């Protein structure tokens, strides 16, 4: 049985995941408006992943027979000076999300709620990957900074990124 404290915290996390999706959609649209279609693709896939993260939490609450309570999504930024700034903001944001996930894990551990701990372990691993991806993108942008051809090639590479359904949703669909 999920505690009320964890239930409320997961509902807050659903809102945070949807805010993240909205942020990445905004970044995608800004990148596309600036002619960076590959960067736009990268962020659009992030948008889809964050929606999926929210869905995983929703499915989990539903499986625990507790109500999902959607809340308003706060406004997100709509403009960045550069692609590098987008990825720096991404890393900073993912670090905040990591802290939120760790807080959920602390609550679940304190509650001795092993089912929730198990579900949250997937998110903990996912956040390691999210932060690493953002750091890699920062390094790539810094490597081509000021080089229009380099940015063009990086943009082309990012256009090849494809969407993959997260394993908790792929398993649920089987």
N, C-alpha and C. Protein backbone atom coordinates (compact mmCIF):
# COMPACT_ATOMS: atom_id res chain seq x y z
N UNK A 1 0.85 -1.19 0.00
CA UNK A 1 0.00 0.00 0.00
C UNK A 1 0.89 1.25 0.00
N UNK A 2 0.59 2.14 -0.87
CA UNK A 2 1.38 3.37 -1.01
C UNK A 2 0.91 4.39 0.04
N UNK A 3 1.85 5.04 0.69
CA UNK A 3 1.49 6.03 1.71
C UNK A 3 0.92 7.29 1.05
N UNK A 4 0.19 8.05 1.84
CA UNK A 4 -0.36 9.31 1.33
C UNK A 4 0.76 10.27 0.96
N UNK A 5 1.84 10.28 1.75
CA UNK A 5 2.97 11.16 1.46
C UNK A 5 3.60 10.82 0.11
N UNK A 6 3.81 9.53 -0.15
CA UNK A 6 4.40 9.12 -1.42
C UNK A 6 3.41 9.34 -2.57
N UNK A 7 2.16 9.05 -2.32
CA UNK A 7 1.12 9.30 -3.33
C UNK A 7 1.13 10.76 -3.77
N UNK A 8 1.14 11.66 -2.81
CA UNK A 8 1.16 13.10 -3.14
C UNK A 8 2.45 13.50 -3.85
N UNK A 9 3.56 12.94 -3.41
CA UNK A 9 4.85 13.27 -4.03
C UNK A 9 4.91 12.75 -5.47
N UNK A 10 4.36 11.59 -5.74
CA UNK A 10 4.34 11.07 -7.11
C UNK A 10 3.42 11.91 -7.98
N UNK A 11 2.30 12.35 -7.44
CA UNK A 11 1.45 13.26 -8.21
C UNK A 11 2.20 14.54 -8.57
N UNK A 12 3.00 15.05 -7.64
CA UNK A 12 3.84 16.22 -7.93
C UNK A 12 4.87 15.89 -9.01
N UNK A 13 5.40 14.68 -8.94
CA UNK A 13 6.40 14.27 -9.93
C UNK A 13 5.77 14.15 -11.31
N UNK A 14 4.55 13.70 -11.39
CA UNK A 14 3.84 13.65 -12.68
C UNK A 14 3.79 15.05 -13.27
N UNK A 15 3.46 16.03 -12.44
CA UNK A 15 3.43 17.41 -12.90
C UNK A 15 4.82 17.85 -13.36
N UNK A 16 5.85 17.47 -12.62
CA UNK A 16 7.22 17.85 -12.99
C UNK A 16 7.62 17.21 -14.32
N UNK A 17 7.21 15.98 -14.54
CA UNK A 17 7.53 15.30 -15.80
C UNK A 17 6.80 15.97 -16.97
N UNK A 18 5.56 16.36 -16.75
CA UNK A 18 4.81 17.04 -17.82
C UNK A 18 5.39 18.43 -18.07
N UNK A 19 5.85 19.11 -17.02
CA UNK A 19 6.53 20.40 -17.20
C UNK A 19 7.80 20.20 -18.02
N UNK A 20 8.54 19.13 -17.70
CA UNK A 20 9.75 18.82 -18.46
C UNK A 20 9.43 18.60 -19.93
N UNK A 21 8.35 17.87 -20.19
CA UNK A 21 7.94 17.63 -21.58
C UNK A 21 7.66 18.96 -22.27
N UNK A 22 6.96 19.82 -21.60
CA UNK A 22 6.61 21.13 -22.15
C UNK A 22 7.87 21.97 -22.40
N UNK A 23 8.84 21.88 -21.48
CA UNK A 23 10.11 22.58 -21.65
C UNK A 23 10.83 22.09 -22.91
N UNK A 24 10.91 20.79 -23.07
CA UNK A 24 11.62 20.24 -24.23
C UNK A 24 10.88 20.50 -25.53
N UNK A 25 9.57 20.54 -25.48
CA UNK A 25 8.81 20.93 -26.66
C UNK A 25 9.13 22.37 -27.03
N UNK A 26 9.23 23.24 -26.04
CA UNK A 26 9.58 24.63 -26.27
C UNK A 26 10.97 24.75 -26.88
N UNK A 27 11.92 23.97 -26.36
CA UNK A 27 13.27 23.98 -26.91
C UNK A 27 13.27 23.49 -28.35
N UNK A 28 12.49 22.46 -28.62
CA UNK A 28 12.39 21.92 -29.98
C UNK A 28 11.87 22.98 -30.94
N UNK A 29 10.84 23.68 -30.53
CA UNK A 29 10.25 24.70 -31.40
C UNK A 29 11.21 25.86 -31.61
N UNK A 30 11.94 26.26 -30.57
CA UNK A 30 12.90 27.35 -30.71
C UNK A 30 14.05 26.93 -31.64
N UNK A 31 14.53 25.71 -31.48
CA UNK A 31 15.61 25.22 -32.35
C UNK A 31 15.15 25.18 -33.81
N UNK A 32 13.94 24.69 -34.02
CA UNK A 32 13.43 24.63 -35.39
C UNK A 32 13.28 26.02 -35.99
N UNK A 33 12.81 26.96 -35.20
CA UNK A 33 12.64 28.34 -35.68
C UNK A 33 13.99 28.95 -36.07
N UNK A 34 15.07 28.45 -35.45
CA UNK A 34 16.42 28.96 -35.75
C UNK A 34 17.11 28.15 -36.84
N UNK A 35 16.38 27.20 -37.44
CA UNK A 35 16.94 26.41 -38.54
C UNK A 35 17.73 25.19 -38.14
N UNK A 36 17.64 24.79 -36.88
CA UNK A 36 18.36 23.61 -36.38
C UNK A 36 17.39 22.44 -36.29
N UNK A 37 17.08 21.85 -37.43
CA UNK A 37 16.07 20.78 -37.45
C UNK A 37 16.52 19.53 -36.69
N UNK A 38 17.80 19.22 -36.72
CA UNK A 38 18.30 18.06 -35.98
C UNK A 38 18.20 18.28 -34.48
N UNK A 39 18.57 19.46 -34.03
CA UNK A 39 18.45 19.81 -32.61
C UNK A 39 16.97 19.76 -32.21
N UNK A 40 16.12 20.28 -33.09
CA UNK A 40 14.68 20.24 -32.83
C UNK A 40 14.21 18.79 -32.67
N UNK A 41 14.73 17.90 -33.52
CA UNK A 41 14.37 16.49 -33.41
C UNK A 41 14.83 15.92 -32.07
N UNK A 42 16.07 16.24 -31.66
CA UNK A 42 16.60 15.73 -30.40
C UNK A 42 15.68 16.14 -29.24
N UNK A 43 15.28 17.40 -29.22
CA UNK A 43 14.43 17.88 -28.13
C UNK A 43 13.00 17.35 -28.25
N UNK A 44 12.52 17.12 -29.46
CA UNK A 44 11.18 16.56 -29.61
C UNK A 44 11.13 15.14 -29.06
N UNK A 45 12.21 14.40 -29.25
CA UNK A 45 12.27 13.06 -28.67
C UNK A 45 12.31 13.15 -27.14
N UNK A 46 13.04 14.14 -26.62
CA UNK A 46 13.03 14.37 -25.17
C UNK A 46 11.61 14.66 -24.68
N UNK A 47 10.89 15.46 -25.44
CA UNK A 47 9.49 15.78 -25.12
C UNK A 47 8.68 14.49 -24.98
N UNK A 48 8.81 13.60 -25.95
CA UNK A 48 8.07 12.33 -25.91
C UNK A 48 8.49 11.47 -24.72
N UNK A 49 9.80 11.44 -24.45
CA UNK A 49 10.28 10.65 -23.32
C UNK A 49 9.72 11.15 -22.00
N UNK A 50 9.66 12.47 -21.84
CA UNK A 50 9.13 13.02 -20.58
C UNK A 50 7.64 12.72 -20.44
N UNK A 51 6.92 12.77 -21.54
CA UNK A 51 5.50 12.37 -21.49
C UNK A 51 5.39 10.92 -21.04
N UNK A 52 6.29 10.08 -21.56
CA UNK A 52 6.29 8.67 -21.17
C UNK A 52 6.62 8.50 -19.70
N UNK A 53 7.56 9.30 -19.20
CA UNK A 53 7.89 9.21 -17.78
C UNK A 53 6.67 9.54 -16.93
N UNK A 54 5.94 10.56 -17.32
CA UNK A 54 4.70 10.89 -16.60
C UNK A 54 3.73 9.72 -16.67
N UNK A 55 3.62 9.10 -17.84
CA UNK A 55 2.69 7.98 -18.02
C UNK A 55 3.09 6.80 -17.15
N UNK A 56 4.39 6.54 -17.03
CA UNK A 56 4.85 5.44 -16.17
C UNK A 56 4.41 5.68 -14.73
N UNK A 57 4.59 6.91 -14.25
CA UNK A 57 4.13 7.24 -12.90
C UNK A 57 2.61 7.11 -12.78
N UNK A 58 1.88 7.56 -13.80
CA UNK A 58 0.42 7.44 -13.77
C UNK A 58 0.01 5.97 -13.70
N UNK A 59 0.63 5.15 -14.55
CA UNK A 59 0.32 3.72 -14.54
C UNK A 59 0.62 3.11 -13.18
N UNK A 60 1.72 3.56 -12.57
CA UNK A 60 2.08 3.01 -11.26
C UNK A 60 1.04 3.37 -10.21
N UNK A 61 0.63 4.63 -10.18
CA UNK A 61 -0.40 5.02 -9.21
C UNK A 61 -1.69 4.25 -9.46
N UNK A 62 -2.06 4.11 -10.72
CA UNK A 62 -3.27 3.34 -11.04
C UNK A 62 -3.14 1.90 -10.56
N UNK A 63 -1.95 1.31 -10.72
CA UNK A 63 -1.74 -0.07 -10.28
C UNK A 63 -1.83 -0.20 -8.76
N UNK A 64 -1.58 0.89 -8.06
CA UNK A 64 -1.66 0.91 -6.60
C UNK A 64 -3.05 1.32 -6.10
N UNK A 65 -3.96 1.50 -7.06
CA UNK A 65 -5.36 1.86 -6.77
C UNK A 65 -5.47 3.19 -6.02
N UNK A 66 -4.62 4.16 -6.43
CA UNK A 66 -4.72 5.51 -5.89
C UNK A 66 -4.88 6.49 -7.05
N UNK A 67 -5.48 7.60 -6.76
CA UNK A 67 -5.88 8.55 -7.80
C UNK A 67 -4.71 9.39 -8.32
N UNK A 68 -4.65 9.49 -9.64
CA UNK A 68 -3.74 10.42 -10.30
C UNK A 68 -4.42 11.78 -10.30
N UNK A 69 -3.73 12.79 -9.82
CA UNK A 69 -4.29 14.13 -9.76
C UNK A 69 -3.43 15.08 -10.59
N UNK A 70 -3.94 15.42 -11.76
CA UNK A 70 -3.20 16.34 -12.63
C UNK A 70 -3.33 17.76 -12.12
N UNK A 71 -2.25 18.49 -12.22
CA UNK A 71 -2.20 19.88 -11.76
C UNK A 71 -1.82 20.77 -12.93
N UNK A 72 -2.06 22.07 -12.81
CA UNK A 72 -1.67 22.98 -13.91
C UNK A 72 -0.17 22.92 -14.15
N UNK A 73 0.20 23.11 -15.40
CA UNK A 73 1.62 23.13 -15.78
C UNK A 73 2.06 24.58 -15.86
N UNK A 74 3.10 24.91 -15.11
CA UNK A 74 3.63 26.28 -15.09
C UNK A 74 4.27 26.63 -16.43
N UNK A 75 4.36 27.90 -16.68
CA UNK A 75 4.96 28.42 -17.91
C UNK A 75 6.43 28.00 -18.01
N UNK A 76 6.87 27.78 -19.24
CA UNK A 76 8.27 27.42 -19.50
C UNK A 76 8.92 28.51 -20.34
N UNK A 77 10.25 28.59 -20.34
CA UNK A 77 10.93 29.53 -21.24
C UNK A 77 10.61 29.18 -22.69
N UNK A 78 10.75 30.16 -23.57
CA UNK A 78 10.42 29.93 -24.97
C UNK A 78 11.56 30.30 -25.92
N UNK A 79 12.66 30.82 -25.38
CA UNK A 79 13.74 31.30 -26.24
C UNK A 79 15.08 31.10 -25.56
N UNK A 80 16.08 30.69 -26.36
CA UNK A 80 17.44 30.51 -25.87
C UNK A 80 18.38 31.21 -26.83
N UNK A 81 19.50 31.69 -26.31
CA UNK A 81 20.47 32.40 -27.13
C UNK A 81 21.17 31.48 -28.12
N UNK A 82 21.39 30.22 -27.70
CA UNK A 82 22.14 29.30 -28.56
C UNK A 82 21.74 27.86 -28.25
N UNK A 83 22.15 26.97 -29.12
CA UNK A 83 21.94 25.54 -28.88
C UNK A 83 22.70 25.11 -27.62
N UNK A 84 23.91 25.63 -27.46
CA UNK A 84 24.68 25.31 -26.26
C UNK A 84 23.91 25.71 -25.00
N UNK A 85 23.28 26.87 -25.00
CA UNK A 85 22.48 27.30 -23.85
C UNK A 85 21.31 26.34 -23.60
N UNK A 86 20.72 25.83 -24.66
CA UNK A 86 19.63 24.86 -24.50
C UNK A 86 20.13 23.63 -23.75
N UNK A 87 21.28 23.12 -24.15
CA UNK A 87 21.80 21.91 -23.52
C UNK A 87 22.31 22.18 -22.11
N UNK A 88 22.84 23.37 -21.84
CA UNK A 88 23.23 23.71 -20.47
C UNK A 88 21.98 23.77 -19.58
N UNK A 89 20.91 24.37 -20.09
CA UNK A 89 19.65 24.39 -19.34
C UNK A 89 19.10 22.98 -19.14
N UNK A 90 19.29 22.14 -20.15
CA UNK A 90 18.84 20.75 -20.05
C UNK A 90 19.57 20.05 -18.91
N UNK A 91 20.88 20.19 -18.84
CA UNK A 91 21.63 19.54 -17.77
C UNK A 91 21.19 20.06 -16.41
N UNK A 92 21.06 21.36 -16.26
CA UNK A 92 20.62 21.92 -14.99
C UNK A 92 19.24 21.40 -14.61
N UNK A 93 18.36 21.33 -15.60
CA UNK A 93 17.01 20.83 -15.33
C UNK A 93 17.04 19.35 -14.93
N UNK A 94 17.81 18.55 -15.65
CA UNK A 94 17.87 17.12 -15.33
C UNK A 94 18.45 16.87 -13.94
N UNK A 95 19.37 17.71 -13.51
CA UNK A 95 19.90 17.59 -12.14
C UNK A 95 18.78 17.83 -11.12
N UNK A 96 17.90 18.78 -11.41
CA UNK A 96 16.76 19.03 -10.51
C UNK A 96 15.82 17.84 -10.50
N UNK A 97 15.57 17.26 -11.67
CA UNK A 97 14.70 16.09 -11.74
C UNK A 97 15.32 14.93 -10.97
N UNK A 98 16.63 14.77 -11.09
CA UNK A 98 17.32 13.71 -10.33
C UNK A 98 17.08 13.89 -8.84
N UNK A 99 17.18 15.11 -8.36
CA UNK A 99 16.94 15.38 -6.93
C UNK A 99 15.50 15.02 -6.55
N UNK A 100 14.55 15.33 -7.42
CA UNK A 100 13.15 14.98 -7.15
C UNK A 100 12.95 13.46 -7.08
N UNK A 101 13.57 12.75 -8.00
CA UNK A 101 13.47 11.28 -8.02
C UNK A 101 14.12 10.71 -6.75
N UNK A 102 15.27 11.25 -6.38
CA UNK A 102 15.92 10.78 -5.16
C UNK A 102 15.04 11.02 -3.94
N UNK A 103 14.34 12.14 -3.91
CA UNK A 103 13.42 12.40 -2.80
C UNK A 103 12.31 11.35 -2.76
N UNK A 104 11.77 11.00 -3.91
CA UNK A 104 10.75 9.94 -3.95
C UNK A 104 11.32 8.63 -3.40
N UNK A 105 12.54 8.32 -3.79
CA UNK A 105 13.18 7.08 -3.32
C UNK A 105 13.38 7.11 -1.80
N UNK A 106 13.73 8.27 -1.27
CA UNK A 106 13.87 8.40 0.19
C UNK A 106 12.54 8.14 0.89
N UNK A 107 11.47 8.71 0.36
CA UNK A 107 10.14 8.50 0.96
C UNK A 107 9.79 7.01 0.90
N UNK A 108 9.97 6.39 -0.27
CA UNK A 108 9.63 4.98 -0.42
C UNK A 108 10.48 4.11 0.52
N UNK A 109 11.77 4.44 0.64
CA UNK A 109 12.63 3.69 1.57
C UNK A 109 12.16 3.85 3.00
N UNK A 110 11.85 5.08 3.40
CA UNK A 110 11.37 5.33 4.76
C UNK A 110 10.08 4.57 5.04
N UNK A 111 9.23 4.48 4.00
CA UNK A 111 7.95 3.77 4.13
C UNK A 111 8.11 2.25 4.06
N UNK A 112 9.32 1.80 3.72
CA UNK A 112 9.55 0.38 3.46
C UNK A 112 8.58 -0.14 2.39
N UNK A 113 8.37 0.70 1.40
CA UNK A 113 7.48 0.40 0.27
C UNK A 113 8.36 -0.15 -0.86
N UNK A 114 8.58 -1.45 -0.85
CA UNK A 114 9.54 -2.06 -1.75
C UNK A 114 9.07 -2.08 -3.20
N UNK A 115 7.77 -2.12 -3.42
CA UNK A 115 7.25 -2.04 -4.80
C UNK A 115 7.60 -0.67 -5.40
N UNK A 116 7.40 0.38 -4.61
CA UNK A 116 7.72 1.72 -5.10
C UNK A 116 9.23 1.89 -5.27
N UNK A 117 10.01 1.35 -4.35
CA UNK A 117 11.47 1.41 -4.47
C UNK A 117 11.88 0.76 -5.80
N UNK A 118 11.30 -0.38 -6.09
CA UNK A 118 11.63 -1.09 -7.32
C UNK A 118 11.30 -0.25 -8.55
N UNK A 119 10.14 0.38 -8.59
CA UNK A 119 9.76 1.21 -9.72
C UNK A 119 10.69 2.42 -9.82
N UNK A 120 11.02 3.01 -8.70
CA UNK A 120 11.87 4.20 -8.70
C UNK A 120 13.31 3.90 -9.12
N UNK A 121 13.76 2.67 -8.92
CA UNK A 121 15.11 2.30 -9.36
C UNK A 121 15.26 2.50 -10.87
N UNK A 122 14.21 2.23 -11.64
CA UNK A 122 14.27 2.46 -13.08
C UNK A 122 14.50 3.94 -13.36
N UNK A 123 13.79 4.81 -12.64
CA UNK A 123 13.94 6.26 -12.83
C UNK A 123 15.32 6.75 -12.40
N UNK A 124 15.87 6.17 -11.35
CA UNK A 124 17.21 6.55 -10.90
C UNK A 124 18.22 6.25 -12.00
N UNK A 125 18.13 5.06 -12.57
CA UNK A 125 19.03 4.70 -13.68
C UNK A 125 18.79 5.61 -14.88
N UNK A 126 17.56 5.92 -15.16
CA UNK A 126 17.21 6.79 -16.29
C UNK A 126 17.82 8.18 -16.12
N UNK A 127 17.83 8.69 -14.90
CA UNK A 127 18.39 10.03 -14.65
C UNK A 127 19.89 10.07 -14.85
N UNK A 128 20.58 8.98 -14.54
CA UNK A 128 22.02 8.91 -14.81
C UNK A 128 22.23 9.08 -16.32
N UNK A 129 21.42 8.39 -17.10
CA UNK A 129 21.51 8.48 -18.56
C UNK A 129 21.15 9.88 -19.06
N UNK A 130 20.11 10.47 -18.51
CA UNK A 130 19.67 11.80 -18.94
C UNK A 130 20.77 12.84 -18.71
N UNK A 131 21.39 12.80 -17.53
CA UNK A 131 22.45 13.77 -17.24
C UNK A 131 23.67 13.52 -18.12
N UNK A 132 24.02 12.27 -18.35
CA UNK A 132 25.15 11.96 -19.21
C UNK A 132 24.90 12.45 -20.64
N UNK A 133 23.70 12.22 -21.16
CA UNK A 133 23.36 12.70 -22.50
C UNK A 133 23.48 14.21 -22.61
N UNK A 134 23.01 14.92 -21.60
CA UNK A 134 23.10 16.39 -21.63
C UNK A 134 24.56 16.84 -21.60
N UNK A 135 25.36 16.20 -20.75
CA UNK A 135 26.80 16.55 -20.70
C UNK A 135 27.48 16.26 -22.04
N UNK A 136 27.13 15.15 -22.67
CA UNK A 136 27.69 14.82 -23.98
C UNK A 136 27.31 15.86 -25.02
N UNK A 137 26.07 16.33 -24.97
CA UNK A 137 25.62 17.33 -25.94
C UNK A 137 26.31 18.67 -25.70
N UNK A 138 26.55 19.02 -24.45
CA UNK A 138 27.29 20.24 -24.14
C UNK A 138 28.70 20.14 -24.72
N UNK A 139 29.34 19.01 -24.52
CA UNK A 139 30.71 18.82 -25.04
C UNK A 139 30.71 18.90 -26.56
N UNK A 140 29.72 18.31 -27.21
CA UNK A 140 29.64 18.36 -28.67
C UNK A 140 29.45 19.79 -29.15
N UNK A 141 28.57 20.54 -28.50
CA UNK A 141 28.34 21.93 -28.89
C UNK A 141 29.59 22.78 -28.66
N UNK A 142 30.28 22.55 -27.55
CA UNK A 142 31.50 23.31 -27.28
C UNK A 142 32.59 22.97 -28.31
N UNK A 143 32.60 21.73 -28.77
CA UNK A 143 33.61 21.31 -29.75
C UNK A 143 33.43 22.00 -31.09
N UNK A 144 32.20 22.36 -31.43
CA UNK A 144 31.94 23.00 -32.74
C UNK A 144 31.63 24.48 -32.61
N UNK A 145 31.74 25.02 -31.40
CA UNK A 145 31.39 26.43 -31.17
C UNK A 145 32.15 27.34 -32.14
N UNK A 146 31.40 28.17 -32.83
CA UNK A 146 31.99 29.10 -33.78
C UNK A 146 32.28 28.51 -35.14
N UNK A 147 32.04 27.22 -35.31
CA UNK A 147 32.32 26.53 -36.57
C UNK A 147 30.98 26.17 -37.22
N UNK A 148 30.57 26.94 -38.21
CA UNK A 148 29.27 26.72 -38.83
C UNK A 148 29.15 25.33 -39.47
N UNK A 149 30.22 24.88 -40.10
CA UNK A 149 30.18 23.55 -40.71
C UNK A 149 30.06 22.47 -39.63
N UNK A 150 30.79 22.63 -38.54
CA UNK A 150 30.69 21.68 -37.42
C UNK A 150 29.28 21.63 -36.85
N UNK A 151 28.66 22.81 -36.69
CA UNK A 151 27.29 22.84 -36.18
C UNK A 151 26.33 22.19 -37.17
N UNK A 152 26.57 22.43 -38.45
CA UNK A 152 25.76 21.81 -39.50
C UNK A 152 25.84 20.28 -39.39
N UNK A 153 27.04 19.76 -39.22
CA UNK A 153 27.23 18.31 -39.12
C UNK A 153 26.62 17.75 -37.83
N UNK A 154 26.77 18.47 -36.73
CA UNK A 154 26.15 18.04 -35.48
C UNK A 154 24.64 18.02 -35.62
N UNK A 155 24.09 19.05 -36.25
CA UNK A 155 22.64 19.11 -36.46
C UNK A 155 22.17 17.91 -37.29
N UNK A 156 22.94 17.57 -38.34
CA UNK A 156 22.59 16.42 -39.18
C UNK A 156 22.61 15.13 -38.35
N UNK A 157 23.60 15.01 -37.48
CA UNK A 157 23.70 13.82 -36.63
C UNK A 157 22.50 13.72 -35.69
N UNK A 158 22.11 14.84 -35.10
CA UNK A 158 20.99 14.84 -34.16
C UNK A 158 19.67 14.53 -34.85
N UNK A 159 19.61 14.79 -36.14
CA UNK A 159 18.39 14.48 -36.91
C UNK A 159 18.16 12.97 -37.01
N UNK A 160 19.20 12.18 -36.78
CA UNK A 160 19.06 10.72 -36.89
C UNK A 160 18.58 10.06 -35.60
N UNK A 161 18.50 10.83 -34.52
CA UNK A 161 18.04 10.25 -33.25
C UNK A 161 16.61 9.76 -33.41
N UNK A 162 16.36 8.57 -32.90
CA UNK A 162 15.02 8.00 -32.99
C UNK A 162 14.44 7.76 -31.60
N UNK A 163 13.15 7.70 -31.55
CA UNK A 163 12.41 7.50 -30.30
C UNK A 163 12.35 6.02 -29.96
N UNK A 164 12.55 5.71 -28.68
CA UNK A 164 12.41 4.34 -28.19
C UNK A 164 11.46 4.35 -27.00
N UNK A 165 10.48 3.48 -27.03
CA UNK A 165 9.52 3.38 -25.92
C UNK A 165 10.28 2.88 -24.69
N UNK A 166 10.15 3.57 -23.54
CA UNK A 166 10.81 3.12 -22.32
C UNK A 166 10.33 1.73 -21.91
N UNK A 167 11.22 0.94 -21.36
CA UNK A 167 10.91 -0.46 -21.04
C UNK A 167 9.67 -0.62 -20.15
N UNK A 168 9.42 0.23 -19.15
CA UNK A 168 8.20 0.00 -18.35
C UNK A 168 6.91 0.15 -19.18
N UNK A 169 6.94 0.94 -20.23
CA UNK A 169 5.76 1.07 -21.08
C UNK A 169 5.72 -0.04 -22.13
N UNK A 170 6.88 -0.43 -22.63
CA UNK A 170 6.94 -1.51 -23.61
C UNK A 170 6.44 -2.81 -22.96
N UNK A 171 6.84 -3.04 -21.72
CA UNK A 171 6.40 -4.22 -20.99
C UNK A 171 4.90 -4.19 -20.75
N UNK A 172 4.37 -3.02 -20.43
CA UNK A 172 2.93 -2.88 -20.16
C UNK A 172 2.11 -3.12 -21.41
N UNK A 173 2.68 -2.85 -22.59
CA UNK A 173 1.94 -3.00 -23.84
C UNK A 173 1.92 -4.45 -24.32
N UNK A 174 2.82 -5.27 -23.78
CA UNK A 174 2.91 -6.66 -24.24
C UNK A 174 1.77 -7.50 -23.70
